Amino acid sequence: MDIHHLVTMANQIAEFFRSSNPDRAEAVAATVQHLRSFWDPRMRREIIARVNDGADVSELNEIARDAIRRLAQDSAAKTVA
């Protein structure tokens, strides 16, 4: 799976929600929900792994980066429970 393509898509989704919602926290939440609802689990795992591995995530915009970190936290919580 091409990580650059996933980053581009995450950025586009985040930008859409940021432009349609002035509240940053709500834009992050909407991005998280979109990624949960519409991305294949393999896509989510791939981009979460990139963030968790400490890879350079500077390509991700601020909203997308926070959304993916939240997904990573939720995923980690599920594996512990």
N, C-alpha and C. Protein backbone atom coordinates (compact mmCIF):
# COMPACT_ATOMS: atom_id res chain seq x y z
N MET A 1 0.86 -1.17 0.00
CA MET A 1 0.00 0.00 0.00
C MET A 1 0.91 1.24 0.00
N ASP A 2 0.61 2.16 -0.86
CA ASP A 2 1.44 3.35 -0.99
C ASP A 2 1.11 4.34 0.13
N ILE A 3 2.05 4.51 1.04
CA ILE A 3 1.82 5.38 2.20
C ILE A 3 1.62 6.83 1.76
N HIS A 4 2.27 7.24 0.71
CA HIS A 4 2.10 8.62 0.25
C HIS A 4 0.67 8.87 -0.23
N HIS A 5 0.08 7.86 -0.84
CA HIS A 5 -1.31 7.98 -1.28
C HIS A 5 -2.24 8.07 -0.06
N LEU A 6 -1.97 7.27 0.96
CA LEU A 6 -2.78 7.33 2.18
C LEU A 6 -2.66 8.69 2.85
N VAL A 7 -1.46 9.21 2.89
CA VAL A 7 -1.24 10.54 3.49
C VAL A 7 -2.00 11.60 2.71
N THR A 8 -1.94 11.52 1.40
CA THR A 8 -2.67 12.49 0.57
C THR A 8 -4.16 12.41 0.84
N MET A 9 -4.70 11.20 0.89
CA MET A 9 -6.13 11.04 1.14
C MET A 9 -6.51 11.55 2.53
N ALA A 10 -5.70 11.23 3.55
CA ALA A 10 -5.98 11.70 4.92
C ALA A 10 -5.97 13.22 4.96
N ASN A 11 -5.02 13.83 4.28
CA ASN A 11 -4.95 15.29 4.24
C ASN A 11 -6.17 15.89 3.56
N GLN A 12 -6.62 15.28 2.48
CA GLN A 12 -7.79 15.79 1.78
C GLN A 12 -9.04 15.69 2.64
N ILE A 13 -9.19 14.59 3.34
CA ILE A 13 -10.35 14.41 4.22
C ILE A 13 -10.31 15.46 5.34
N ALA A 14 -9.15 15.59 5.96
CA ALA A 14 -8.99 16.56 7.05
C ALA A 14 -9.25 17.98 6.57
N GLU A 15 -8.75 18.30 5.39
CA GLU A 15 -8.96 19.65 4.85
C GLU A 15 -10.44 19.91 4.59
N PHE A 16 -11.15 18.90 4.10
CA PHE A 16 -12.58 19.06 3.88
C PHE A 16 -13.29 19.39 5.19
N PHE A 17 -13.00 18.63 6.24
CA PHE A 17 -13.69 18.86 7.51
C PHE A 17 -13.25 20.16 8.16
N ARG A 18 -12.00 20.57 7.97
CA ARG A 18 -11.54 21.84 8.52
C ARG A 18 -12.24 23.01 7.80
N SER A 19 -12.39 22.88 6.50
CA SER A 19 -13.02 23.98 5.75
C SER A 19 -14.52 24.08 6.01
N SER A 20 -15.13 22.96 6.38
CA SER A 20 -16.58 22.98 6.62
C SER A 20 -16.93 23.14 8.09
N ASN A 21 -15.89 23.20 8.94
CA ASN A 21 -16.15 23.29 10.38
C ASN A 21 -15.07 24.16 11.03
N PRO A 22 -15.43 25.31 11.56
CA PRO A 22 -14.41 26.19 12.13
C PRO A 22 -13.82 25.68 13.44
N ASP A 23 -14.52 24.77 14.11
CA ASP A 23 -14.01 24.24 15.38
C ASP A 23 -13.00 23.12 15.09
N ARG A 24 -11.76 23.34 15.51
CA ARG A 24 -10.69 22.39 15.22
C ARG A 24 -10.96 21.01 15.81
N ALA A 25 -11.42 20.95 17.06
CA ALA A 25 -11.67 19.66 17.71
C ALA A 25 -12.76 18.89 16.97
N GLU A 26 -13.76 19.59 16.49
CA GLU A 26 -14.82 18.92 15.75
C GLU A 26 -14.32 18.44 14.39
N ALA A 27 -13.42 19.20 13.79
CA ALA A 27 -12.84 18.77 12.52
C ALA A 27 -12.01 17.50 12.71
N VAL A 28 -11.27 17.43 13.81
CA VAL A 28 -10.49 16.21 14.11
C VAL A 28 -11.45 15.04 14.34
N ALA A 29 -12.48 15.27 15.14
CA ALA A 29 -13.44 14.20 15.43
C ALA A 29 -14.13 13.71 14.15
N ALA A 30 -14.49 14.63 13.28
CA ALA A 30 -15.14 14.24 12.02
C ALA A 30 -14.17 13.46 11.13
N THR A 31 -12.92 13.85 11.15
CA THR A 31 -11.92 13.12 10.36
C THR A 31 -11.74 11.72 10.91
N VAL A 32 -11.66 11.59 12.22
CA VAL A 32 -11.54 10.26 12.85
C VAL A 32 -12.73 9.40 12.45
N GLN A 33 -13.92 9.96 12.55
CA GLN A 33 -15.12 9.19 12.22
C GLN A 33 -15.12 8.76 10.76
N HIS A 34 -14.70 9.65 9.89
CA HIS A 34 -14.65 9.30 8.47
C HIS A 34 -13.65 8.16 8.23
N LEU A 35 -12.49 8.25 8.82
CA LEU A 35 -11.48 7.21 8.63
C LEU A 35 -11.97 5.87 9.18
N ARG A 36 -12.68 5.91 10.30
CA ARG A 36 -13.24 4.67 10.87
C ARG A 36 -14.32 4.08 9.97
N SER A 37 -15.15 4.94 9.42
CA SER A 37 -16.31 4.47 8.67
C SER A 37 -15.99 4.04 7.24
N PHE A 38 -15.03 4.71 6.62
CA PHE A 38 -14.85 4.51 5.19
C PHE A 38 -13.51 3.93 4.76
N TRP A 39 -12.54 3.94 5.62
CA TRP A 39 -11.25 3.35 5.24
C TRP A 39 -11.23 1.88 5.59
N ASP A 40 -10.63 1.11 4.71
CA ASP A 40 -10.41 -0.30 4.97
C ASP A 40 -9.50 -0.42 6.20
N PRO A 41 -9.73 -1.41 7.05
CA PRO A 41 -8.86 -1.56 8.24
C PRO A 41 -7.37 -1.64 7.89
N ARG A 42 -7.05 -2.23 6.75
CA ARG A 42 -5.63 -2.31 6.36
C ARG A 42 -5.05 -0.91 6.12
N MET A 43 -5.87 -0.04 5.58
CA MET A 43 -5.42 1.33 5.35
C MET A 43 -5.17 2.04 6.67
N ARG A 44 -6.08 1.86 7.61
CA ARG A 44 -5.90 2.49 8.93
C ARG A 44 -4.67 1.93 9.63
N ARG A 45 -4.50 0.61 9.58
CA ARG A 45 -3.33 0.01 10.23
C ARG A 45 -2.03 0.54 9.64
N GLU A 46 -2.00 0.68 8.33
CA GLU A 46 -0.79 1.15 7.65
C GLU A 46 -0.41 2.57 8.09
N ILE A 47 -1.36 3.45 8.11
CA ILE A 47 -1.03 4.83 8.45
C ILE A 47 -0.78 4.98 9.95
N ILE A 48 -1.49 4.21 10.76
CA ILE A 48 -1.24 4.23 12.21
C ILE A 48 0.16 3.70 12.49
N ALA A 49 0.56 2.64 11.82
CA ALA A 49 1.90 2.08 12.00
C ALA A 49 2.97 3.11 11.67
N ARG A 50 2.71 3.86 10.64
CA ARG A 50 3.69 4.90 10.24
C ARG A 50 3.85 5.93 11.36
N VAL A 51 2.74 6.35 11.93
CA VAL A 51 2.80 7.33 13.01
C VAL A 51 3.43 6.71 14.25
N ASN A 52 3.04 5.48 14.58
CA ASN A 52 3.56 4.82 15.78
C ASN A 52 5.05 4.50 15.67
N ASP A 53 5.52 4.25 14.47
CA ASP A 53 6.93 3.92 14.28
C ASP A 53 7.83 5.14 14.38
N GLY A 54 7.23 6.29 14.60
CA GLY A 54 8.02 7.51 14.73
C GLY A 54 8.50 8.04 13.40
N ALA A 55 7.88 7.58 12.34
CA ALA A 55 8.27 8.05 11.02
C ALA A 55 7.95 9.54 10.89
N ASP A 56 8.58 10.15 9.94
CA ASP A 56 8.32 11.57 9.68
C ASP A 56 6.88 11.72 9.21
N VAL A 57 6.10 12.41 9.99
CA VAL A 57 4.69 12.62 9.64
C VAL A 57 4.44 14.07 9.25
N SER A 58 5.51 14.76 8.89
CA SER A 58 5.37 16.16 8.54
C SER A 58 4.51 16.37 7.28
N GLU A 59 4.35 15.30 6.50
CA GLU A 59 3.51 15.39 5.31
C GLU A 59 2.03 15.51 5.67
N LEU A 60 1.69 15.02 6.86
CA LEU A 60 0.30 15.09 7.29
C LEU A 60 -0.02 16.49 7.80
N ASN A 61 -1.18 17.00 7.42
CA ASN A 61 -1.56 18.28 8.00
C ASN A 61 -1.97 18.06 9.45
N GLU A 62 -2.11 19.15 10.17
CA GLU A 62 -2.33 19.11 11.61
C GLU A 62 -3.58 18.32 12.00
N ILE A 63 -4.66 18.51 11.27
CA ILE A 63 -5.92 17.82 11.59
C ILE A 63 -5.76 16.32 11.33
N ALA A 64 -5.20 15.96 10.21
CA ALA A 64 -5.01 14.55 9.87
C ALA A 64 -4.08 13.87 10.87
N ARG A 65 -3.01 14.55 11.25
CA ARG A 65 -2.06 13.96 12.20
C ARG A 65 -2.74 13.69 13.54
N ASP A 66 -3.52 14.65 14.04
CA ASP A 66 -4.22 14.45 15.31
C ASP A 66 -5.27 13.35 15.20
N ALA A 67 -5.95 13.28 14.07
CA ALA A 67 -6.96 12.23 13.88
C ALA A 67 -6.31 10.85 13.89
N ILE A 68 -5.18 10.72 13.22
CA ILE A 68 -4.52 9.42 13.16
C ILE A 68 -3.94 9.06 14.53
N ARG A 69 -3.45 10.01 15.25
CA ARG A 69 -2.97 9.73 16.61
C ARG A 69 -4.13 9.26 17.50
N ARG A 70 -5.29 9.87 17.32
CA ARG A 70 -6.46 9.43 18.10
C ARG A 70 -6.86 8.01 17.71
N LEU A 71 -6.82 7.70 16.44
CA LEU A 71 -7.11 6.33 16.00
C LEU A 71 -6.10 5.36 16.59
N ALA A 72 -4.85 5.77 16.64
CA ALA A 72 -3.79 4.91 17.20
C ALA A 72 -4.06 4.66 18.68
N GLN A 73 -4.45 5.69 19.41
CA GLN A 73 -4.75 5.53 20.84
C GLN A 73 -5.93 4.60 21.03
N ASP A 74 -6.96 4.78 20.22
CA ASP A 74 -8.15 3.91 20.32
C ASP A 74 -7.79 2.47 20.00
N SER A 75 -6.95 2.29 19.00
CA SER A 75 -6.53 0.94 18.60
C SER A 75 -5.72 0.29 19.70
N ALA A 76 -4.83 1.06 20.33
CA ALA A 76 -4.00 0.53 21.42
C ALA A 76 -4.88 0.17 22.61
N ALA A 77 -5.87 0.98 22.89
CA ALA A 77 -6.77 0.71 24.02
C ALA A 77 -7.56 -0.57 23.79
N LYS A 78 -7.94 -0.83 22.53
CA LYS A 78 -8.70 -2.04 22.23
C LYS A 78 -7.84 -3.28 22.41
N THR A 79 -6.55 -3.19 22.07
CA THR A 79 -5.69 -4.36 22.19
C THR A 79 -5.36 -4.66 23.64
N VAL A 80 -5.37 -3.64 24.51
CA VAL A 80 -5.09 -3.83 25.94
C VAL A 80 -6.32 -4.41 26.63
N ALA A 81 -7.50 -3.97 26.23
CA ALA A 81 -8.74 -4.41 26.90
C ALA A 81 -9.08 -5.85 26.60
